[in-house]
Amino acid sequence: MNTWNSSALAKSLPFTAGTPMVPQDYPDELIVLPCWPENVAVDFTLCSRYAGRVAVQYRPSSTLRVATQREIRVRTAIRRAVKLQVERLPADGR
């Protein structure tokens, strides 16, 4: 079940909130861009029940940067050669 802030999502992404392209949020892991088109760049920030504030920046064939407020395992379904960078946001979430 996705637990993302739909109002923040609707402002930043060009599709209906709640689609399976949104990160999947679980107590022990965050799956980022599970169904995102691999050739489409994207930047967004939203709130996760388990990871807190999450900022994602994806550049096809280059970098997937995920910054989370709380420590959590992060993985992605992107199959292209991409460097996954996982970082922690400051305690205040900025």
Foldseek 3Di string as FASTA:
>chain_A
DFDKDQVQVVVFDDDHPPDPQQWDADQAEIEHRAPPPLQDWGWGWIQGPRQGIWTWTDHHLEETEIETQHDHHYHYNRPHDYHYHYHYDPNVRD
